[in-house]
C-alpha atoms as a PDB file:
ATOM      1  CA  MET A   1      77.928 -73.996  11.656  1.00  0.00           C
ATOM      2  CA  LYS A   2      76.914 -75.609   8.365  1.00  0.00           C
ATOM      3  CA  GLN A   3      73.245 -76.064   9.255  1.00  0.00           C
ATOM      4  CA  SER A   4      70.778 -74.945  11.901  1.00  0.00           C
ATOM      5  CA  LEU A   5      70.868 -76.642  15.300  1.00  0.00           C
ATOM      6  CA  GLY A   6      68.444 -79.462  15.954  1.00  0.00           C
ATOM      7  CA  LEU A   7      67.649 -80.286  12.341  1.00  0.00           C
ATOM      8  CA  SER A   8      68.265 -83.722  10.874  1.00  0.00           C
ATOM      9  CA  PRO A   9      70.283 -83.674   7.633  1.00  0.00           C
ATOM     10  CA  GLU A  10      67.116 -84.600   5.756  1.00  0.00           C
ATOM     11  CA  LEU A  11      65.046 -81.807   7.304  1.00  0.00           C
ATOM     12  CA  HIS A  12      67.847 -79.320   6.708  1.00  0.00           C
ATOM     13  CA  ASP A  13      67.972 -80.348   3.047  1.00  0.00           C
ATOM     14  CA  TYR A  14      64.215 -79.790   2.836  1.00  0.00           C
ATOM     15  CA  LEU A  15      64.518 -76.360   4.472  1.00  0.00           C
ATOM     16  CA  VAL A  16      67.240 -75.279   2.052  1.00  0.00           C
ATOM     17  CA  GLU A  17      65.423 -76.671  -0.977  1.00  0.00           C
ATOM     18  CA  HIS A  18      62.204 -74.861  -0.084  1.00  0.00           C
ATOM     19  CA  SER A  19      63.419 -71.543   1.318  1.00  0.00           C
ATOM     20  CA  VAL A  20      66.952 -70.730   0.112  1.00  0.00           C
ATOM     21  CA  ARG A  21      67.216 -69.337  -3.411  1.00  0.00           C
ATOM     22  CA  GLU A  22      70.981 -69.682  -3.389  1.00  0.00           C
ATOM     23  CA  PRO A  23      72.752 -68.301  -6.464  1.00  0.00           C
ATOM     24  CA  ASP A  24      75.211 -70.723  -8.057  1.00  0.00           C
ATOM     25  CA  LEU A  25      78.114 -68.480  -7.060  1.00  0.00           C
ATOM     26  CA  LEU A  26      77.187 -68.675  -3.379  1.00  0.00           C
ATOM     27  CA  ARG A  27      76.773 -72.434  -3.631  1.00  0.00           C
ATOM     28  CA  ARG A  28      80.235 -72.788  -5.169  1.00  0.00           C
ATOM     29  CA  LEU A  29      81.773 -70.588  -2.469  1.00  0.00           C
ATOM     30  CA  ARG A  30      80.083 -72.655   0.233  1.00  0.00           C
ATOM     31  CA  GLU A  31      81.323 -75.903  -1.304  1.00  0.00           C
ATOM     32  CA  GLU A  32      84.887 -74.598  -1.689  1.00  0.00           C
ATOM     33  CA  THR A  33      84.906 -73.392   1.913  1.00  0.00           C
ATOM     34  CA  ALA A  34      83.700 -76.806   3.120  1.00  0.00           C
ATOM     35  CA  SER A  35      86.983 -78.324   1.935  1.00  0.00           C
ATOM     36  CA  MET A  36      89.128 -75.783   3.784  1.00  0.00           C
ATOM     37  CA  GLU A  37      90.664 -75.750   7.238  1.00  0.00           C
ATOM     38  CA  ARG A  38      88.291 -74.251   9.846  1.00  0.00           C
ATOM     39  CA  SER A  39      85.350 -74.810   7.533  1.00  0.00           C
ATOM     40  CA  GLU A  40      83.109 -74.933  10.619  1.00  0.00           C
ATOM     41  CA  MET A  41      83.311 -71.119  10.616  1.00  0.00           C
ATOM     42  CA  GLN A  42      81.147 -71.070   7.493  1.00  0.00           C
ATOM     43  CA  ILE A  43      77.597 -69.888   8.090  1.00  0.00           C
ATOM     44  CA  ALA A  44      74.699 -72.065   6.952  1.00  0.00           C
ATOM     45  CA  PRO A  45      72.995 -71.170   3.642  1.00  0.00           C
ATOM     46  CA  GLU A  46      69.733 -70.392   5.429  1.00  0.00           C
ATOM     47  CA  GLN A  47      71.604 -67.774   7.467  1.00  0.00           C
ATOM     48  CA  GLY A  48      72.814 -66.054   4.321  1.00  0.00           C
ATOM     49  CA  ALA A  49      69.282 -66.014   2.941  1.00  0.00           C
ATOM     50  CA  PHE A  50      67.953 -64.726   6.266  1.00  0.00           C
ATOM     51  CA  MET A  51      70.425 -61.825   6.359  1.00  0.00           C
ATOM     52  CA  ALA A  52      69.705 -60.947   2.737  1.00  0.00           C
ATOM     53  CA  MET A  53      66.009 -60.761   3.613  1.00  0.00           C
ATOM     54  CA  LEU A  54      66.729 -58.553   6.643  1.00  0.00           C
ATOM     55  CA  VAL A  55      68.818 -56.188   4.528  1.00  0.00           C
ATOM     56  CA  ARG A  56      66.039 -55.914   1.959  1.00  0.00           C
ATOM     57  CA  ILE A  57      63.359 -55.342   4.619  1.00  0.00           C
ATOM     58  CA  LEU A  58      65.475 -52.600   6.205  1.00  0.00           C
ATOM     59  CA  GLY A  59      66.145 -50.966   2.868  1.00  0.00           C
ATOM     60  CA  ALA A  60      69.770 -50.961   3.994  1.00  0.00           C
ATOM     61  CA  ARG A  61      72.420 -49.088   2.044  1.00  0.00           C
ATOM     62  CA  HIS A  62      75.352 -49.069   4.451  1.00  0.00           C
ATOM     63  CA  THR A  63      76.291 -52.276   6.255  1.00  0.00           C
ATOM     64  CA  LEU A  64      79.101 -53.372   8.541  1.00  0.00           C
ATOM     65  CA  GLU A  65      80.582 -56.847   8.848  1.00  0.00           C
ATOM     66  CA  ILE A  66      82.968 -57.895  11.620  1.00  0.00           C
ATOM     67  CA  GLY A  67      84.469 -61.231  10.605  1.00  0.00           C
ATOM     68  CA  VAL A  68      84.552 -62.059   6.895  1.00  0.00           C
ATOM     69  CA  PHE A  69      86.223 -65.504   6.636  1.00  0.00           C
ATOM     70  CA  THR A  70      85.785 -66.616   2.988  1.00  0.00           C
ATOM     71  CA  GLY A  71      83.058 -64.088   2.272  1.00  0.00           C
ATOM     72  CA  TYR A  72      79.777 -66.011   2.135  1.00  0.00           C
ATOM     73  CA  SER A  73      77.865 -63.610   4.383  1.00  0.00           C
ATOM     74  CA  SER A  74      79.291 -60.484   2.763  1.00  0.00           C
ATOM     75  CA  LEU A  75      78.516 -61.815  -0.712  1.00  0.00           C
ATOM     76  CA  ALA A  76      74.947 -62.684   0.298  1.00  0.00           C
ATOM     77  CA  VAL A  77      74.473 -59.181   1.698  1.00  0.00           C
ATOM     78  CA  ALA A  78      76.182 -57.451  -1.241  1.00  0.00           C
ATOM     79  CA  LEU A  79      73.879 -59.203  -3.692  1.00  0.00           C
ATOM     80  CA  ALA A  80      70.875 -58.008  -1.652  1.00  0.00           C
ATOM     81  CA  LEU A  81      72.023 -54.381  -1.462  1.00  0.00           C
ATOM     82  CA  PRO A  82      70.940 -51.784  -4.020  1.00  0.00           C
ATOM     83  CA  GLU A  83      73.472 -50.621  -6.586  1.00  0.00           C
ATOM     84  CA  GLU A  84      74.632 -47.762  -4.360  1.00  0.00           C
ATOM     85  CA  GLY A  85      74.878 -50.014  -1.288  1.00  0.00           C
ATOM     86  CA  ARG A  86      78.201 -50.472   0.465  1.00  0.00           C
ATOM     87  CA  ILE A  87      79.698 -52.905   3.008  1.00  0.00           C
ATOM     88  CA  THR A  88      82.566 -52.121   5.355  1.00  0.00           C
ATOM     89  CA  ALA A  89      84.103 -55.540   6.040  1.00  0.00           C
ATOM     90  CA  CYS A  90      86.607 -56.163   8.847  1.00  0.00           C
ATOM     91  CA  ASP A  91      88.880 -59.194   9.102  1.00  0.00           C
ATOM     92  CA  ALA A  92      92.406 -60.080  10.225  1.00  0.00           C
ATOM     93  CA  SER A  93      93.199 -62.750   7.604  1.00  0.00           C
ATOM     94  CA  GLU A  94      94.590 -62.045   4.153  1.00  0.00           C
ATOM     95  CA  VAL A  95      94.479 -65.789   3.403  1.00  0.00           C
ATOM     96  CA  TYR A  96      90.777 -66.429   3.943  1.00  0.00           C
ATOM     97  CA  THR A  97      89.670 -63.076   2.553  1.00  0.00           C
ATOM     98  CA  SER A  98      91.630 -63.759  -0.649  1.00  0.00           C
ATOM     99  CA  VAL A  99      88.962 -66.378  -1.357  1.00  0.00           C
ATOM    100  CA  ALA A 100      86.284 -63.805  -0.587  1.00  0.00           C
ATOM    101  CA  ARG A 101      87.869 -61.270  -2.953  1.00  0.00           C
ATOM    102  CA  ARG A 102      87.871 -63.811  -5.781  1.00  0.00           C
ATOM    103  CA  TYR A 103      84.154 -64.470  -5.443  1.00  0.00           C
ATOM    104  CA  TRP A 104      83.327 -60.787  -4.975  1.00  0.00           C
ATOM    105  CA  ARG A 105      85.093 -60.058  -8.276  1.00  0.00           C
ATOM    106  CA  GLU A 106      83.259 -62.839 -10.066  1.00  0.00           C
ATOM    107  CA  ALA A 107      79.928 -61.558  -8.731  1.00  0.00           C
ATOM    108  CA  GLY A 108      80.757 -57.999  -9.777  1.00  0.00           C
ATOM    109  CA  VAL A 109      80.314 -56.613  -6.259  1.00  0.00           C
ATOM    110  CA  SER A 110      83.923 -55.750  -5.362  1.00  0.00           C
ATOM    111  CA  ASP A 111      83.148 -52.043  -5.654  1.00  0.00           C
ATOM    112  CA  LYS A 112      80.477 -52.438  -2.982  1.00  0.00           C
ATOM    113  CA  ILE A 113      82.867 -53.869  -0.377  1.00  0.00           C
ATOM    114  CA  ASP A 114      85.498 -51.912   1.541  1.00  0.00           C
ATOM    115  CA  LEU A 115      87.646 -54.671   3.064  1.00  0.00           C
ATOM    116  CA  ARG A 116      89.791 -53.543   5.981  1.00  0.00           C
ATOM    117  CA  ILE A 117      92.444 -56.004   7.117  1.00  0.00           C
ATOM    118  CA  GLY A 118      93.724 -55.718  10.669  1.00  0.00           C
ATOM    119  CA  ASP A 119      92.604 -55.717  14.262  1.00  0.00           C
ATOM    120  CA  ALA A 120      88.834 -55.158  14.194  1.00  0.00           C
ATOM    121  CA  THR A 121      88.803 -52.975  17.311  1.00  0.00           C
ATOM    122  CA  GLY A 122      91.275 -50.588  15.699  1.00  0.00           C
ATOM    123  CA  THR A 123      89.283 -50.561  12.480  1.00  0.00           C
ATOM    124  CA  LEU A 124      86.040 -49.784  14.313  1.00  0.00           C
ATOM    125  CA  GLU A 125      87.704 -46.950  16.233  1.00  0.00           C
ATOM    126  CA  ARG A 126      88.977 -45.495  12.948  1.00  0.00           C
ATOM    127  CA  LEU A 127      85.480 -45.638  11.484  1.00  0.00           C
ATOM    128  CA  LEU A 128      84.253 -43.450  14.316  1.00  0.00           C
ATOM    129  CA  LYS A 129      87.086 -40.994  13.677  1.00  0.00           C
ATOM    130  CA  GLU A 130      86.115 -40.995   9.998  1.00  0.00           C
ATOM    131  CA  GLY A 131      82.684 -39.693  10.966  1.00  0.00           C
ATOM    132  CA  ARG A 132      80.731 -42.947  10.654  1.00  0.00           C
ATOM    133  CA  LEU A 133      78.862 -42.518  13.944  1.00  0.00           C
ATOM    134  CA  ARG A 134      75.243 -43.698  13.481  1.00  0.00           C
ATOM    135  CA  THR A 135      75.610 -44.112   9.708  1.00  0.00           C
ATOM    136  CA  TYR A 136      75.183 -47.880   9.256  1.00  0.00           C
ATOM    137  CA  ASP A 137      71.826 -49.542   8.732  1.00  0.00           C
ATOM    138  CA  PHE A 138      72.924 -53.089   9.515  1.00  0.00           C
ATOM    139  CA  ALA A 139      75.853 -54.798  11.245  1.00  0.00           C
ATOM    140  CA  PHE A 140      76.805 -58.482  11.349  1.00  0.00           C
ATOM    141  CA  ILE A 141      79.187 -59.781  14.029  1.00  0.00           C
ATOM    142  CA  ASP A 142      80.818 -63.176  13.452  1.00  0.00           C
ATOM    143  CA  ALA A 143      84.375 -63.061  14.754  1.00  0.00           C
ATOM    144  CA  ASP A 144      86.354 -64.005  17.885  1.00  0.00           C
ATOM    145  CA  LYS A 145      83.837 -64.607  20.622  1.00  0.00           C
ATOM    146  CA  PRO A 146      85.753 -63.131  23.607  1.00  0.00           C
ATOM    147  CA  SER A 147      85.711 -59.778  21.772  1.00  0.00           C
ATOM    148  CA  TYR A 148      81.998 -59.840  20.908  1.00  0.00           C
ATOM    149  CA  ASP A 149      81.090 -57.461  23.735  1.00  0.00           C
ATOM    150  CA  VAL A 150      83.579 -54.888  22.450  1.00  0.00           C
ATOM    151  CA  TYR A 151      82.299 -55.291  18.890  1.00  0.00           C
ATOM    152  CA  TYR A 152      78.702 -54.984  20.073  1.00  0.00           C
ATOM    153  CA  GLU A 153      79.431 -51.692  21.829  1.00  0.00           C
ATOM    154  CA  TYR A 154      81.144 -50.301  18.731  1.00  0.00           C
ATOM    155  CA  ALA A 155      78.261 -51.483  16.564  1.00  0.00           C
ATOM    156  CA  LEU A 156      75.821 -49.622  18.822  1.00  0.00           C
ATOM    157  CA  LYS A 157      77.766 -46.438  18.115  1.00  0.00           C
ATOM    158  CA  LEU A 158      78.042 -47.030  14.379  1.00  0.00           C
ATOM    159  CA  VAL A 159      74.492 -48.210  13.648  1.00  0.00           C
ATOM    160  CA  ARG A 160      71.743 -45.633  13.249  1.00  0.00           C
ATOM    161  CA  GLU A 161      68.602 -45.462  15.357  1.00  0.00           C
ATOM    162  CA  GLY A 162      66.295 -48.194  14.095  1.00  0.00           C
ATOM    163  CA  GLY A 163      69.266 -50.056  12.621  1.00  0.00           C
ATOM    164  CA  LEU A 164      69.919 -53.731  13.228  1.00  0.00           C
ATOM    165  CA  ILE A 165      72.849 -55.604  14.779  1.00  0.00           C
ATOM    166  CA  VAL A 166      73.003 -59.360  14.146  1.00  0.00           C
ATOM    167  CA  LEU A 167      75.307 -61.603  16.184  1.00  0.00           C
ATOM    168  CA  ASP A 168      76.126 -65.167  15.157  1.00  0.00           C
ATOM    169  CA  ASN A 169      76.924 -68.265  17.248  1.00  0.00           C
ATOM    170  CA  VAL A 170      74.996 -67.083  20.282  1.00  0.00           C
ATOM    171  CA  LEU A 171      74.044 -70.650  21.272  1.00  0.00           C
ATOM    172  CA  ARG A 172      77.538 -72.107  20.885  1.00  0.00           C
ATOM    173  CA  ASN A 173      76.124 -75.474  19.772  1.00  0.00           C
ATOM    174  CA  GLY A 174      74.182 -75.639  23.035  1.00  0.00           C
ATOM    175  CA  ARG A 175      77.198 -75.029  25.259  1.00  0.00           C
ATOM    176  CA  VAL A 176      75.735 -71.772  26.627  1.00  0.00           C
ATOM    177  CA  LEU A 177      73.783 -74.032  28.991  1.00  0.00           C
ATOM    178  CA  GLU A 178      77.120 -74.713  30.710  1.00  0.00           C
ATOM    179  CA  PRO A 179      78.828 -71.295  30.671  1.00  0.00           C
ATOM    180  CA  ASP A 180      81.376 -72.291  33.340  1.00  0.00           C
ATOM    181  CA  SER A 181      82.742 -75.234  31.362  1.00  0.00           C
ATOM    182  CA  GLY A 182      86.137 -73.595  30.918  1.00  0.00           C
ATOM    183  CA  ASP A 183      85.592 -72.534  27.294  1.00  0.00           C
ATOM    184  CA  ASP A 184      86.386 -68.826  27.194  1.00  0.00           C
ATOM    185  CA  SER A 185      84.352 -68.275  24.029  1.00  0.00           C
ATOM    186  CA  THR A 186      81.256 -69.865  25.526  1.00  0.00           C
ATOM    187  CA  THR A 187      81.662 -67.993  28.823  1.00  0.00           C
ATOM    188  CA  ALA A 188      81.952 -64.702  26.951  1.00  0.00           C
ATOM    189  CA  MET A 189      78.946 -65.456  24.766  1.00  0.00           C
ATOM    190  CA  ALA A 190      76.737 -66.501  27.680  1.00  0.00           C
ATOM    191  CA  ALA A 191      77.595 -63.269  29.507  1.00  0.00           C
ATOM    192  CA  LEU A 192      76.861 -61.172  26.438  1.00  0.00           C
ATOM    193  CA  ASN A 193      73.543 -62.932  25.885  1.00  0.00           C
ATOM    194  CA  GLU A 194      72.535 -61.899  29.405  1.00  0.00           C
ATOM    195  CA  LYS A 195      73.743 -58.355  28.832  1.00  0.00           C
ATOM    196  CA  ILE A 196      71.899 -57.847  25.548  1.00  0.00           C
ATOM    197  CA  PHE A 197      68.671 -59.278  26.945  1.00  0.00           C
ATOM    198  CA  ALA A 198      68.776 -56.648  29.714  1.00  0.00           C
ATOM    199  CA  ASP A 199      70.018 -53.835  27.442  1.00  0.00           C
ATOM    200  CA  GLU A 200      67.385 -51.092  27.262  1.00  0.00           C
ATOM    201  CA  ARG A 201      69.158 -49.529  24.287  1.00  0.00           C
ATOM    202  CA  VAL A 202      67.879 -52.260  21.984  1.00  0.00           C
ATOM    203  CA  ASP A 203      64.879 -54.377  21.091  1.00  0.00           C
ATOM    204  CA  VAL A 204      66.072 -57.974  21.034  1.00  0.00           C
ATOM    205  CA  THR A 205      65.139 -61.435  19.861  1.00  0.00           C
ATOM    206  CA  MET A 206      67.148 -64.631  19.493  1.00  0.00           C
ATOM    207  CA  VAL A 207      66.389 -67.035  16.667  1.00  0.00           C
ATOM    208  CA  PRO A 208      67.526 -70.696  16.439  1.00  0.00           C
ATOM    209  CA  ILE A 209      68.950 -70.440  12.943  1.00  0.00           C
ATOM    210  CA  GLY A 210      72.458 -71.711  12.288  1.00  0.00           C
ATOM    211  CA  ASP A 211      74.193 -71.740  15.676  1.00  0.00           C
ATOM    212  CA  GLY A 212      71.749 -69.164  17.000  1.00  0.00           C
ATOM    213  CA  MET A 213      71.510 -65.533  15.926  1.00  0.00           C
ATOM    214  CA  THR A 214      70.596 -62.539  18.061  1.00  0.00           C
ATOM    215  CA  LEU A 215      68.875 -59.596  16.419  1.00  0.00           C
ATOM    216  CA  ALA A 216      69.315 -56.347  18.338  1.00  0.00           C
ATOM    217  CA  ARG A 217      67.481 -53.338  16.925  1.00  0.00           C
ATOM    218  CA  ARG A 218      68.841 -50.049  18.190  1.00  0.00           C
ATOM    219  CA  ARG A 219      66.006 -48.152  19.796  1.00  0.00           C
ATOM    220  CA  ARG A 220      65.236 -44.613  18.804  1.00  0.00           C
ATOM    221  CA  ASN A 221      66.432 -41.916  21.201  1.00  0.00           C
ATOM    222  CA  SER A 222      68.973 -44.307  22.716  1.00  0.00           C
ATOM    223  CA  THR A 223      72.524 -43.100  23.181  1.00  0.00           C
ATOM    224  CA  PRO A 224      75.288 -45.732  23.043  1.00  0.00           C
ATOM    225  CA  ALA A 225      77.822 -45.569  25.861  1.00  0.00           C
ATOM    226  CA  GLY A 226      80.608 -43.172  24.986  1.00  0.00           C
ATOM    227  CA  ALA A 227      78.733 -41.557  22.108  1.00  0.00           C
ATOM    228  CA  ALA A 228      78.157 -37.837  21.859  1.00  0.00           C
ATOM    229  CA  GLN A 229      74.776 -36.633  23.074  1.00  0.00           C
END
């Protein structure tokens, strides 16, 4: 989603010009990605700025990203993190993440990003075995939609109490209004939206930025399913 739903191109331009302090490097990455296959997977610039603000407000030092693509979101977050901040980034594609690596190097943030290529579910399970239970301050999920529920449950285990999980594409360009349309991704997202809204383990809000983003703050004294007491 290259801009927030419901905005005219002119109003989107105004929003970006008056609220997104986009570094030149991020702009160049966004423009390069726009010329690539599957460029619709690119987040909007206002989403990158929004996540950077969230990371700064949280005082985050350890963040998790599930779905990297060409690295716009991870670069935006890395630039917002303090010097000692670190991102664990999960993706299945060497091709798209090679673009991300190039921009991370140019920005001087490669040392902040631990990129793990492979099946995200396996990577998340390994993180738990590595002792990362409840150690992340912030998690961003933007990957294959049918697996979002699985990723959400892992994120609940990996994020600390008071930490934040952000999920992208929760409105599916408005298609969540017709969850039985035959689109597996939309059906899965609509079901997860219902689940998170009723989930007493988190405080939740949904914001109409990009293709819709859900913010789920893990409540204190909540125990994710399957986690040790």
